[in-house]
């Protein structure tokens, strides 16, 4: 067996390994729907372009049989997706790849490292537990479908936050916007930096980034995807993969009110643009975000369990919002 860094030429093989391995695991979990949609070239290219120096492929007899992809945001890193062909499972290939990624990332001085996996996959939970990862929390997908231009409830309150996207208002000041992303990220968690995620989302044309301003000062942002993830998927869904909010302390606006203002603004923008559905990714420790979304008509339709290394847990500051996707 040979463990090596991932290459862009591995794309087709990685897509095939993922499809076969995930469909096999779905069957083991007893799911009725076991077919995994075919990932688009656009999304797979984005995954492979994130941090290839810490992502690995396992080769056996000249062909790739497994892979472990990695993403790094400053001093925060996560692993996934990860997959090994069923005939090669149980041979140590998965462990070797994950351990190689963990070792390479530790050498960079990261402070948070983890992954997300399916709560019903007991094999996955056991595998990652044996590698020293601890259960941290559930993350939920909350979605809402808008039919016939459903109106968005603003609660009768004035909009407290101004939302401006890189595409429609910050393009001429992109460097300033990227510096704001770095600053807000660090306020939420020391060393965290979503700048690379903003740049990759834009360069791969998957979506855009919106900054939130309070009285002219940037206090939050969201990174969202609007392009389909699967070749069979119909265009029309917005995925809010990252949402950070770090307002100054001592103001009259509470964090929850600002969060609701931000969610309202996002809903209005996307519905007005003709999108049919919005999905938010919510770690359960942010109860206010979950409750606000449920109250606004969103429904829970998916969950994953987040796991982190013993000595590299998440460490968000108090008084902030950090909604994120780790898969």
C-alpha atoms as a PDB file:
ATOM      1  CA  UNK A   1       0.000   0.000   0.000  1.00  0.00           C
ATOM      2  CA  UNK A   2       1.163   3.519  -0.829  1.00  0.00           C
ATOM      3  CA  UNK A   3      -0.121   6.695   0.862  1.00  0.00           C
ATOM      4  CA  UNK A   4       0.490   9.829  -1.198  1.00  0.00           C
ATOM      5  CA  UNK A   5      -0.795  13.381  -1.567  1.00  0.00           C
ATOM      6  CA  UNK A   6      -3.951  13.802  -3.616  1.00  0.00           C
ATOM      7  CA  UNK A   7      -3.740  15.086  -7.216  1.00  0.00           C
ATOM      8  CA  UNK A   8      -6.362  16.735  -9.396  1.00  0.00           C
ATOM      9  CA  UNK A   9      -6.044  13.723 -11.725  1.00  0.00           C
ATOM     10  CA  UNK A  10      -7.543  11.597  -8.926  1.00  0.00           C
ATOM     11  CA  UNK A  11     -10.953  13.270  -9.309  1.00  0.00           C
ATOM     12  CA  UNK A  12     -12.790  10.545 -11.238  1.00  0.00           C
ATOM     13  CA  UNK A  13     -11.396   7.747  -9.082  1.00  0.00           C
ATOM     14  CA  UNK A  14     -12.287   9.628  -5.873  1.00  0.00           C
ATOM     15  CA  UNK A  15     -15.833  10.174  -7.089  1.00  0.00           C
ATOM     16  CA  UNK A  16     -16.156   6.446  -7.836  1.00  0.00           C
ATOM     17  CA  UNK A  17     -14.703   5.365  -4.471  1.00  0.00           C
ATOM     18  CA  UNK A  18     -17.048   7.729  -2.644  1.00  0.00           C
ATOM     19  CA  UNK A  19     -20.104   6.434  -4.480  1.00  0.00           C
ATOM     20  CA  UNK A  20     -19.336   2.751  -3.920  1.00  0.00           C
ATOM     21  CA  UNK A  21     -18.234   3.150  -0.273  1.00  0.00           C
ATOM     22  CA  UNK A  22     -21.085   5.412   0.809  1.00  0.00           C
ATOM     23  CA  UNK A  23     -23.763   3.328  -0.897  1.00  0.00           C
ATOM     24  CA  UNK A  24     -22.367   0.232   0.820  1.00  0.00           C
ATOM     25  CA  UNK A  25     -22.524   1.986   4.211  1.00  0.00           C
ATOM     26  CA  UNK A  26     -26.085   3.143   3.577  1.00  0.00           C
ATOM     27  CA  UNK A  27     -27.077  -0.481   2.980  1.00  0.00           C
ATOM     28  CA  UNK A  28     -25.346  -1.575   6.183  1.00  0.00           C
ATOM     29  CA  UNK A  29     -27.322   1.068   8.100  1.00  0.00           C
ATOM     30  CA  UNK A  30     -30.557  -0.305   6.681  1.00  0.00           C
ATOM     31  CA  UNK A  31     -31.504   2.793   4.713  1.00  0.00           C
ATOM     32  CA  UNK A  32     -34.201   2.381   2.079  1.00  0.00           C
ATOM     33  CA  UNK A  33     -32.578   4.910  -0.261  1.00  0.00           C
ATOM     34  CA  UNK A  34     -28.977   3.860  -0.799  1.00  0.00           C
ATOM     35  CA  UNK A  35     -28.108   5.568  -4.070  1.00  0.00           C
ATOM     36  CA  UNK A  36     -25.572   8.385  -3.723  1.00  0.00           C
ATOM     37  CA  UNK A  37     -26.105  11.182  -6.277  1.00  0.00           C
ATOM     38  CA  UNK A  38     -23.177  11.846  -8.627  1.00  0.00           C
ATOM     39  CA  UNK A  39     -21.072  14.752  -7.357  1.00  0.00           C
ATOM     40  CA  UNK A  40     -20.580  17.559  -9.880  1.00  0.00           C
ATOM     41  CA  UNK A  41     -17.140  18.289 -11.329  1.00  0.00           C
ATOM     42  CA  UNK A  42     -17.473  21.791  -9.898  1.00  0.00           C
ATOM     43  CA  UNK A  43     -17.926  20.608  -6.308  1.00  0.00           C
ATOM     44  CA  UNK A  44     -15.260  17.917  -6.537  1.00  0.00           C
ATOM     45  CA  UNK A  45     -12.762  20.411  -7.966  1.00  0.00           C
ATOM     46  CA  UNK A  46     -13.494  22.716  -5.046  1.00  0.00           C
ATOM     47  CA  UNK A  47     -12.851  19.887  -2.552  1.00  0.00           C
ATOM     48  CA  UNK A  48      -9.578  18.906  -4.212  1.00  0.00           C
ATOM     49  CA  UNK A  49      -8.379  22.513  -4.384  1.00  0.00           C
ATOM     50  CA  UNK A  50      -8.782  23.280  -0.691  1.00  0.00           C
ATOM     51  CA  UNK A  51      -5.667  21.873   1.001  1.00  0.00           C
ATOM     52  CA  UNK A  52      -4.206  19.131  -1.217  1.00  0.00           C
ATOM     53  CA  UNK A  53      -0.949  19.114   0.737  1.00  0.00           C
ATOM     54  CA  UNK A  54      -2.775  17.559   3.735  1.00  0.00           C
ATOM     55  CA  UNK A  55      -5.154  15.326   1.755  1.00  0.00           C
ATOM     56  CA  UNK A  56      -4.145  11.771   0.910  1.00  0.00           C
ATOM     57  CA  UNK A  57      -4.947   8.894  -1.436  1.00  0.00           C
ATOM     58  CA  UNK A  58      -4.233   5.234  -0.673  1.00  0.00           C
ATOM     59  CA  UNK A  59      -3.035   3.101  -3.585  1.00  0.00           C
ATOM     60  CA  UNK A  60      -2.923  -0.665  -3.695  1.00  0.00           C
ATOM     61  CA  UNK A  61      -1.643  -2.650  -6.684  1.00  0.00           C
ATOM     62  CA  UNK A  62      -1.423   0.518  -8.727  1.00  0.00           C
ATOM     63  CA  UNK A  63      -4.928   1.819  -8.154  1.00  0.00           C
ATOM     64  CA  UNK A  64      -6.480   4.191  -5.623  1.00  0.00           C
ATOM     65  CA  UNK A  65      -8.693   2.385  -3.097  1.00  0.00           C
ATOM     66  CA  UNK A  66      -9.278   5.183  -0.580  1.00  0.00           C
ATOM     67  CA  UNK A  67      -8.929   8.892   0.089  1.00  0.00           C
ATOM     68  CA  UNK A  68      -8.987  11.412   2.936  1.00  0.00           C
ATOM     69  CA  UNK A  69      -9.673  15.028   1.969  1.00  0.00           C
ATOM     70  CA  UNK A  70      -8.875  17.898   4.319  1.00  0.00           C
ATOM     71  CA  UNK A  71      -9.791  21.559   4.691  1.00  0.00           C
ATOM     72  CA  UNK A  72      -7.936  24.141   6.781  1.00  0.00           C
ATOM     73  CA  UNK A  73      -9.218  27.553   7.926  1.00  0.00           C
ATOM     74  CA  UNK A  74      -6.310  29.212   9.714  1.00  0.00           C
ATOM     75  CA  UNK A  75      -5.665  27.145  12.857  1.00  0.00           C
ATOM     76  CA  UNK A  76      -8.886  25.147  12.413  1.00  0.00           C
ATOM     77  CA  UNK A  77      -8.904  22.041  10.202  1.00  0.00           C
ATOM     78  CA  UNK A  78     -11.339  19.243   9.440  1.00  0.00           C
ATOM     79  CA  UNK A  79     -11.169  15.975   7.571  1.00  0.00           C
ATOM     80  CA  UNK A  80     -13.721  14.721   5.065  1.00  0.00           C
ATOM     81  CA  UNK A  81     -15.042  13.299   3.013  1.00  0.00           C
ATOM     82  CA  UNK A  82     -13.183  10.071   3.756  1.00  0.00           C
ATOM     83  CA  UNK A  83     -13.856   6.752   2.025  1.00  0.00           C
ATOM     84  CA  UNK A  84     -12.316   3.333   1.344  1.00  0.00           C
ATOM     85  CA  UNK A  85     -13.602   0.763  -1.148  1.00  0.00           C
ATOM     86  CA  UNK A  86     -15.490  -2.020   0.707  1.00  0.00           C
ATOM     87  CA  UNK A  87     -13.080  -4.875  -0.224  1.00  0.00           C
ATOM     88  CA  UNK A  88     -10.173  -2.837   1.206  1.00  0.00           C
ATOM     89  CA  UNK A  89     -11.929  -1.896   4.454  1.00  0.00           C
ATOM     90  CA  UNK A  90     -10.611  -3.418   7.676  1.00  0.00           C
ATOM     91  CA  UNK A  91      -7.054  -3.635   6.339  1.00  0.00           C
ATOM     92  CA  UNK A  92      -5.668  -0.500   8.003  1.00  0.00           C
ATOM     93  CA  UNK A  93      -5.900   1.712   4.906  1.00  0.00           C
ATOM     94  CA  UNK A  94      -8.398   4.140   6.428  1.00  0.00           C
ATOM     95  CA  UNK A  95      -6.394   4.429   9.634  1.00  0.00           C
ATOM     96  CA  UNK A  96      -3.164   5.079   7.716  1.00  0.00           C
ATOM     97  CA  UNK A  97      -4.707   7.890   5.665  1.00  0.00           C
ATOM     98  CA  UNK A  98      -6.400   9.605   8.601  1.00  0.00           C
ATOM     99  CA  UNK A  99      -3.285   9.337  10.765  1.00  0.00           C
ATOM    100  CA  UNK A 100      -1.192  10.793   7.924  1.00  0.00           C
ATOM    101  CA  UNK A 101      -3.530  13.792   7.679  1.00  0.00           C
ATOM    102  CA  UNK A 102      -3.608  14.296  11.453  1.00  0.00           C
ATOM    103  CA  UNK A 103       0.202  14.167  11.680  1.00  0.00           C
ATOM    104  CA  UNK A 104       0.670  16.597   8.792  1.00  0.00           C
ATOM    105  CA  UNK A 105      -1.849  19.047  10.241  1.00  0.00           C
ATOM    106  CA  UNK A 106      -0.419  18.885  13.756  1.00  0.00           C
ATOM    107  CA  UNK A 107       2.927  20.010  12.347  1.00  0.00           C
ATOM    108  CA  UNK A 108       1.263  23.244  11.173  1.00  0.00           C
ATOM    109  CA  UNK A 109       0.259  24.304  14.699  1.00  0.00           C
ATOM    110  CA  UNK A 110      -3.505  23.897  14.362  1.00  0.00           C
ATOM    111  CA  UNK A 111      -5.633  24.277  17.492  1.00  0.00           C
ATOM    112  CA  UNK A 112      -8.855  22.580  16.313  1.00  0.00           C
ATOM    113  CA  UNK A 113      -9.125  19.350  14.327  1.00  0.00           C
ATOM    114  CA  UNK A 114     -12.102  17.131  13.703  1.00  0.00           C
ATOM    115  CA  UNK A 115     -14.679  15.765  11.301  1.00  0.00           C
ATOM    116  CA  UNK A 116     -18.356  15.000  10.928  1.00  0.00           C
ATOM    117  CA  UNK A 117     -19.881  11.599  10.293  1.00  0.00           C
ATOM    118  CA  UNK A 118     -23.256   9.881  10.150  1.00  0.00           C
ATOM    119  CA  UNK A 119     -24.748   9.243  13.632  1.00  0.00           C
ATOM    120  CA  UNK A 120     -26.328   5.958  12.456  1.00  0.00           C
ATOM    121  CA  UNK A 121     -23.036   4.575  11.157  1.00  0.00           C
ATOM    122  CA  UNK A 122     -21.814   2.655  14.201  1.00  0.00           C
ATOM    123  CA  UNK A 123     -18.804   1.431  12.235  1.00  0.00           C
ATOM    124  CA  UNK A 124     -17.726   5.011  11.551  1.00  0.00           C
ATOM    125  CA  UNK A 125     -18.299   6.063  15.160  1.00  0.00           C
ATOM    126  CA  UNK A 126     -16.174   3.177  16.408  1.00  0.00           C
ATOM    127  CA  UNK A 127     -13.465   3.736  13.791  1.00  0.00           C
ATOM    128  CA  UNK A 128     -12.974   7.420  14.626  1.00  0.00           C
ATOM    129  CA  UNK A 129     -13.261   6.796  18.374  1.00  0.00           C
ATOM    130  CA  UNK A 130     -10.394   4.322  18.167  1.00  0.00           C
ATOM    131  CA  UNK A 131      -8.337   7.008  16.436  1.00  0.00           C
ATOM    132  CA  UNK A 132      -8.755   9.253  19.484  1.00  0.00           C
ATOM    133  CA  UNK A 133     -11.595  11.510  18.350  1.00  0.00           C
ATOM    134  CA  UNK A 134     -14.262  12.490  20.874  1.00  0.00           C
ATOM    135  CA  UNK A 135     -17.949  13.177  20.341  1.00  0.00           C
ATOM    136  CA  UNK A 136     -18.527  16.907  20.509  1.00  0.00           C
ATOM    137  CA  UNK A 137     -22.049  17.685  19.300  1.00  0.00           C
ATOM    138  CA  UNK A 138     -24.689  17.134  16.648  1.00  0.00           C
ATOM    139  CA  UNK A 139     -24.953  19.472  13.695  1.00  0.00           C
ATOM    140  CA  UNK A 140     -28.342  19.894  12.054  1.00  0.00           C
ATOM    141  CA  UNK A 141     -29.505  20.797   8.581  1.00  0.00           C
ATOM    142  CA  UNK A 142     -32.526  23.085   8.862  1.00  0.00           C
ATOM    143  CA  UNK A 143     -34.278  23.754   5.575  1.00  0.00           C
ATOM    144  CA  UNK A 144     -37.284  25.637   4.278  1.00  0.00           C
ATOM    145  CA  UNK A 145     -39.013  25.365   0.921  1.00  0.00           C
ATOM    146  CA  UNK A 146     -40.605  28.532  -0.486  1.00  0.00           C
ATOM    147  CA  UNK A 147     -43.656  27.992  -2.656  1.00  0.00           C
ATOM    148  CA  UNK A 148     -45.172  30.637  -4.908  1.00  0.00           C
ATOM    149  CA  UNK A 149     -42.881  33.348  -3.574  1.00  0.00           C
ATOM    150  CA  UNK A 150     -43.747  32.833   0.096  1.00  0.00           C
ATOM    151  CA  UNK A 151     -43.449  36.025   2.065  1.00  0.00           C
ATOM    152  CA  UNK A 152     -40.689  36.245   4.660  1.00  0.00           C
ATOM    153  CA  UNK A 153     -41.737  37.307   8.144  1.00  0.00           C
ATOM    154  CA  UNK A 154     -39.709  40.278   9.389  1.00  0.00           C
ATOM    155  CA  UNK A 155     -41.378  40.289  12.803  1.00  0.00           C
ATOM    156  CA  UNK A 156     -42.454  43.882  12.320  1.00  0.00           C
ATOM    157  CA  UNK A 157     -38.983  45.104  13.259  1.00  0.00           C
ATOM    158  CA  UNK A 158     -36.690  47.382  11.341  1.00  0.00           C
ATOM    159  CA  UNK A 159     -33.676  45.777   9.743  1.00  0.00           C
ATOM    160  CA  UNK A 160     -30.703  46.302  12.060  1.00  0.00           C
ATOM    161  CA  UNK A 161     -28.020  44.876   9.809  1.00  0.00           C
ATOM    162  CA  UNK A 162     -27.021  45.920   6.312  1.00  0.00           C
ATOM    163  CA  UNK A 163     -26.080  42.944   4.129  1.00  0.00           C
ATOM    164  CA  UNK A 164     -23.673  43.464   1.229  1.00  0.00           C
ATOM    165  CA  UNK A 165     -22.255  40.696  -0.981  1.00  0.00           C
ATOM    166  CA  UNK A 166     -18.867  40.575  -2.634  1.00  0.00           C
ATOM    167  CA  UNK A 167     -20.648  40.146  -5.943  1.00  0.00           C
ATOM    168  CA  UNK A 168     -22.975  43.134  -5.775  1.00  0.00           C
ATOM    169  CA  UNK A 169     -21.274  45.661  -3.580  1.00  0.00           C
ATOM    170  CA  UNK A 170     -17.864  44.693  -2.286  1.00  0.00           C
ATOM    171  CA  UNK A 171     -16.153  43.640  -5.495  1.00  0.00           C
ATOM    172  CA  UNK A 172     -14.252  46.922  -5.793  1.00  0.00           C
ATOM    173  CA  UNK A 173     -13.187  46.626  -2.155  1.00  0.00           C
ATOM    174  CA  UNK A 174     -12.507  42.906  -2.064  1.00  0.00           C
ATOM    175  CA  UNK A 175      -9.274  43.137  -0.100  1.00  0.00           C
ATOM    176  CA  UNK A 176     -11.029  45.184   2.570  1.00  0.00           C
ATOM    177  CA  UNK A 177     -13.828  42.593   2.681  1.00  0.00           C
ATOM    178  CA  UNK A 178     -11.350  39.736   3.005  1.00  0.00           C
ATOM    179  CA  UNK A 179      -9.589  41.515   5.868  1.00  0.00           C
ATOM    180  CA  UNK A 180     -12.984  41.869   7.570  1.00  0.00           C
ATOM    181  CA  UNK A 181     -13.596  38.130   7.144  1.00  0.00           C
ATOM    182  CA  UNK A 182     -10.243  37.382   8.791  1.00  0.00           C
ATOM    183  CA  UNK A 183     -10.906  39.791  11.661  1.00  0.00           C
ATOM    184  CA  UNK A 184     -14.421  38.497  12.371  1.00  0.00           C
ATOM    185  CA  UNK A 185     -13.211  34.878  12.181  1.00  0.00           C
ATOM    186  CA  UNK A 186     -10.548  35.582  14.798  1.00  0.00           C
ATOM    187  CA  UNK A 187     -13.081  37.296  17.061  1.00  0.00           C
ATOM    188  CA  UNK A 188     -15.241  34.177  16.947  1.00  0.00           C
ATOM    189  CA  UNK A 189     -12.369  31.743  17.574  1.00  0.00           C
ATOM    190  CA  UNK A 190      -8.692  32.732  17.961  1.00  0.00           C
ATOM    191  CA  UNK A 191      -6.736  31.720  14.855  1.00  0.00           C
ATOM    192  CA  UNK A 192      -9.791  30.824  12.794  1.00  0.00           C
ATOM    193  CA  UNK A 193      -9.709  32.360   9.299  1.00  0.00           C
ATOM    194  CA  UNK A 194     -12.339  31.755   6.615  1.00  0.00           C
ATOM    195  CA  UNK A 195     -10.579  33.898   4.020  1.00  0.00           C
ATOM    196  CA  UNK A 196      -9.486  30.884   1.947  1.00  0.00           C
ATOM    197  CA  UNK A 197     -13.044  29.536   1.972  1.00  0.00           C
ATOM    198  CA  UNK A 198     -14.359  32.854   0.655  1.00  0.00           C
ATOM    199  CA  UNK A 199     -11.770  32.868  -2.127  1.00  0.00           C
ATOM    200  CA  UNK A 200     -12.360  29.233  -3.156  1.00  0.00           C
ATOM    201  CA  UNK A 201     -16.132  29.624  -3.139  1.00  0.00           C
ATOM    202  CA  UNK A 202     -15.728  32.526  -5.523  1.00  0.00           C
ATOM    203  CA  UNK A 203     -13.048  31.036  -7.759  1.00  0.00           C
ATOM    204  CA  UNK A 204     -15.014  27.802  -8.241  1.00  0.00           C
ATOM    205  CA  UNK A 205     -18.216  29.802  -8.822  1.00  0.00           C
ATOM    206  CA  UNK A 206     -20.152  27.816  -6.237  1.00  0.00           C
ATOM    207  CA  UNK A 207     -21.641  30.848  -4.518  1.00  0.00           C
ATOM    208  CA  UNK A 208     -20.675  34.058  -2.784  1.00  0.00           C
ATOM    209  CA  UNK A 209     -20.037  35.767   0.562  1.00  0.00           C
ATOM    210  CA  UNK A 210     -22.237  38.361   2.258  1.00  0.00           C
ATOM    211  CA  UNK A 211     -20.929  40.716   4.936  1.00  0.00           C
ATOM    212  CA  UNK A 212     -23.189  42.071   7.680  1.00  0.00           C
ATOM    213  CA  UNK A 213     -22.671  45.678   8.815  1.00  0.00           C
ATOM    214  CA  UNK A 214     -23.937  47.261  12.026  1.00  0.00           C
ATOM    215  CA  UNK A 215     -23.801  51.063  11.847  1.00  0.00           C
ATOM    216  CA  UNK A 216     -21.165  50.782   9.115  1.00  0.00           C
ATOM    217  CA  UNK A 217     -18.956  48.282  10.969  1.00  0.00           C
ATOM    218  CA  UNK A 218     -18.619  44.689   9.703  1.00  0.00           C
ATOM    219  CA  UNK A 219     -19.816  42.341  12.458  1.00  0.00           C
ATOM    220  CA  UNK A 220     -20.563  39.124  10.593  1.00  0.00           C
ATOM    221  CA  UNK A 221     -20.597  37.264   7.311  1.00  0.00           C
ATOM    222  CA  UNK A 222     -22.045  34.216   5.611  1.00  0.00           C
ATOM    223  CA  UNK A 223     -20.543  31.983   2.927  1.00  0.00           C
ATOM    224  CA  UNK A 224     -23.195  30.300   0.812  1.00  0.00           C
ATOM    225  CA  UNK A 225     -23.406  27.964  -2.170  1.00  0.00           C
ATOM    226  CA  UNK A 226     -26.038  28.287  -4.881  1.00  0.00           C
ATOM    227  CA  UNK A 227     -24.766  25.761  -7.423  1.00  0.00           C
ATOM    228  CA  UNK A 228     -26.044  22.152  -7.361  1.00  0.00           C
ATOM    229  CA  UNK A 229     -23.888  19.559  -5.602  1.00  0.00           C
ATOM    230  CA  UNK A 230     -25.097  16.613  -7.695  1.00  0.00           C
ATOM    231  CA  UNK A 231     -25.524  16.200 -11.427  1.00  0.00           C
ATOM    232  CA  UNK A 232     -29.138  15.114 -10.841  1.00  0.00           C
ATOM    233  CA  UNK A 233     -29.954  18.139  -8.649  1.00  0.00           C
ATOM    234  CA  UNK A 234     -32.156  20.955  -9.948  1.00  0.00           C
ATOM    235  CA  UNK A 235     -30.859  24.498  -9.493  1.00  0.00           C
ATOM    236  CA  UNK A 236     -32.710  26.510  -6.857  1.00  0.00           C
ATOM    237  CA  UNK A 237     -31.279  25.689  -3.405  1.00  0.00           C
ATOM    238  CA  UNK A 238     -29.100  27.981  -1.280  1.00  0.00           C
ATOM    239  CA  UNK A 239     -26.801  26.279   1.241  1.00  0.00           C
ATOM    240  CA  UNK A 240     -25.684  28.511   4.122  1.00  0.00           C
ATOM    241  CA  UNK A 241     -22.526  26.592   5.022  1.00  0.00           C
ATOM    242  CA  UNK A 242     -20.926  29.257   7.225  1.00  0.00           C
ATOM    243  CA  UNK A 243     -22.453  32.097   9.245  1.00  0.00           C
ATOM    244  CA  UNK A 244     -20.474  34.109  11.781  1.00  0.00           C
ATOM    245  CA  UNK A 245     -21.689  36.970  13.948  1.00  0.00           C
ATOM    246  CA  UNK A 246     -19.462  38.800  16.437  1.00  0.00           C
ATOM    247  CA  UNK A 247     -21.093  42.116  17.423  1.00  0.00           C
ATOM    248  CA  UNK A 248     -19.452  44.577  19.784  1.00  0.00           C
ATOM    249  CA  UNK A 249     -20.395  44.076  23.432  1.00  0.00           C
ATOM    250  CA  UNK A 250     -22.422  46.587  25.345  1.00  0.00           C
ATOM    251  CA  UNK A 251     -24.744  47.560  22.500  1.00  0.00           C
ATOM    252  CA  UNK A 252     -28.509  47.757  22.842  1.00  0.00           C
ATOM    253  CA  UNK A 253     -29.026  45.040  20.235  1.00  0.00           C
ATOM    254  CA  UNK A 254     -28.882  41.544  21.670  1.00  0.00           C
ATOM    255  CA  UNK A 255     -27.057  38.776  19.805  1.00  0.00           C
ATOM    256  CA  UNK A 256     -30.331  36.945  19.129  1.00  0.00           C
ATOM    257  CA  UNK A 257     -31.987  40.023  17.652  1.00  0.00           C
ATOM    258  CA  UNK A 258     -29.030  40.631  15.376  1.00  0.00           C
ATOM    259  CA  UNK A 259     -29.026  36.982  14.324  1.00  0.00           C
ATOM    260  CA  UNK A 260     -32.721  37.145  13.466  1.00  0.00           C
ATOM    261  CA  UNK A 261     -32.078  40.343  11.509  1.00  0.00           C
ATOM    262  CA  UNK A 262     -29.351  38.585   9.546  1.00  0.00           C
ATOM    263  CA  UNK A 263     -31.489  35.514   8.833  1.00  0.00           C
ATOM    264  CA  UNK A 264     -34.410  37.735   7.769  1.00  0.00           C
ATOM    265  CA  UNK A 265     -32.189  39.672   5.389  1.00  0.00           C
ATOM    266  CA  UNK A 266     -30.806  36.478   3.868  1.00  0.00           C
ATOM    267  CA  UNK A 267     -34.267  34.977   3.407  1.00  0.00           C
ATOM    268  CA  UNK A 268     -35.580  38.128   1.731  1.00  0.00           C
ATOM    269  CA  UNK A 269     -32.583  38.347  -0.589  1.00  0.00           C
ATOM    270  CA  UNK A 270     -32.679  34.727  -1.736  1.00  0.00           C
ATOM    271  CA  UNK A 271     -36.456  34.452  -2.098  1.00  0.00           C
ATOM    272  CA  UNK A 272     -36.508  37.696  -4.100  1.00  0.00           C
ATOM    273  CA  UNK A 273     -33.799  36.206  -6.346  1.00  0.00           C
ATOM    274  CA  UNK A 274     -36.043  33.247  -7.141  1.00  0.00           C
ATOM    275  CA  UNK A 275     -34.512  30.492  -5.007  1.00  0.00           C
ATOM    276  CA  UNK A 276     -36.891  27.748  -3.879  1.00  0.00           C
ATOM    277  CA  UNK A 277     -35.124  26.464  -0.768  1.00  0.00           C
ATOM    278  CA  UNK A 278     -32.604  27.542   1.871  1.00  0.00           C
ATOM    279  CA  UNK A 279     -30.556  25.218   4.098  1.00  0.00           C
ATOM    280  CA  UNK A 280     -28.743  26.343   7.250  1.00  0.00           C
ATOM    281  CA  UNK A 281     -26.091  24.187   8.947  1.00  0.00           C
ATOM    282  CA  UNK A 282     -26.474  24.577  12.734  1.00  0.00           C
ATOM    283  CA  UNK A 283     -24.308  23.067  15.518  1.00  0.00           C
ATOM    284  CA  UNK A 284     -26.737  22.266  18.336  1.00  0.00           C
ATOM    285  CA  UNK A 285     -24.846  24.312  20.919  1.00  0.00           C
ATOM    286  CA  UNK A 286     -26.239  27.406  19.193  1.00  0.00           C
ATOM    287  CA  UNK A 287     -29.756  26.907  20.520  1.00  0.00           C
ATOM    288  CA  UNK A 288     -30.907  30.399  19.655  1.00  0.00           C
ATOM    289  CA  UNK A 289     -30.086  29.863  15.971  1.00  0.00           C
ATOM    290  CA  UNK A 290     -31.967  26.576  15.921  1.00  0.00           C
ATOM    291  CA  UNK A 291     -34.978  28.089  17.709  1.00  0.00           C
ATOM    292  CA  UNK A 292     -35.089  31.166  15.470  1.00  0.00           C
ATOM    293  CA  UNK A 293     -35.035  29.004  12.351  1.00  0.00           C
ATOM    294  CA  UNK A 294     -37.699  26.613  13.665  1.00  0.00           C
ATOM    295  CA  UNK A 295     -39.918  29.559  14.532  1.00  0.00           C
ATOM    296  CA  UNK A 296     -39.476  30.917  11.019  1.00  0.00           C
ATOM    297  CA  UNK A 297     -40.738  27.711   9.417  1.00  0.00           C
ATOM    298  CA  UNK A 298     -37.498  25.784   8.912  1.00  0.00           C
ATOM    299  CA  UNK A 299     -37.499  22.036   9.578  1.00  0.00           C
ATOM    300  CA  UNK A 300     -34.743  19.647  10.669  1.00  0.00           C
ATOM    301  CA  UNK A 301     -34.087  17.153   7.880  1.00  0.00           C
ATOM    302  CA  UNK A 302     -30.554  15.861   8.485  1.00  0.00           C
ATOM    303  CA  UNK A 303     -27.981  15.484  11.254  1.00  0.00           C
ATOM    304  CA  UNK A 304     -24.317  14.614  11.620  1.00  0.00           C
ATOM    305  CA  UNK A 305     -22.190  14.073  14.689  1.00  0.00           C
ATOM    306  CA  UNK A 306     -19.112  16.257  15.063  1.00  0.00           C
ATOM    307  CA  UNK A 307     -15.978  14.695  16.550  1.00  0.00           C
ATOM    308  CA  UNK A 308     -12.679  16.355  17.485  1.00  0.00           C
ATOM    309  CA  UNK A 309      -9.249  15.211  18.614  1.00  0.00           C
ATOM    310  CA  UNK A 310      -8.791  15.023  22.393  1.00  0.00           C
ATOM    311  CA  UNK A 311      -6.405  17.948  22.584  1.00  0.00           C
ATOM    312  CA  UNK A 312      -7.770  19.956  19.635  1.00  0.00           C
ATOM    313  CA  UNK A 313     -11.417  20.811  20.470  1.00  0.00           C
ATOM    314  CA  UNK A 314     -13.484  23.724  19.200  1.00  0.00           C
ATOM    315  CA  UNK A 315     -13.072  26.874  21.276  1.00  0.00           C
ATOM    316  CA  UNK A 316     -15.473  29.609  20.210  1.00  0.00           C
ATOM    317  CA  UNK A 317     -15.588  32.742  22.324  1.00  0.00           C
ATOM    318  CA  UNK A 318     -18.784  33.541  24.282  1.00  0.00           C
ATOM    319  CA  UNK A 319     -21.236  36.038  22.832  1.00  0.00           C
ATOM    320  CA  UNK A 320     -20.786  34.972  19.191  1.00  0.00           C
ATOM    321  CA  UNK A 321     -22.544  32.848  16.584  1.00  0.00           C
ATOM    322  CA  UNK A 322     -20.602  30.275  14.554  1.00  0.00           C
ATOM    323  CA  UNK A 323     -22.713  28.136  12.230  1.00  0.00           C
ATOM    324  CA  UNK A 324     -20.516  25.856  10.143  1.00  0.00           C
ATOM    325  CA  UNK A 325     -20.332  22.736   8.014  1.00  0.00           C
ATOM    326  CA  UNK A 326     -17.595  20.154   8.561  1.00  0.00           C
ATOM    327  CA  UNK A 327     -18.220  17.713   5.736  1.00  0.00           C
END
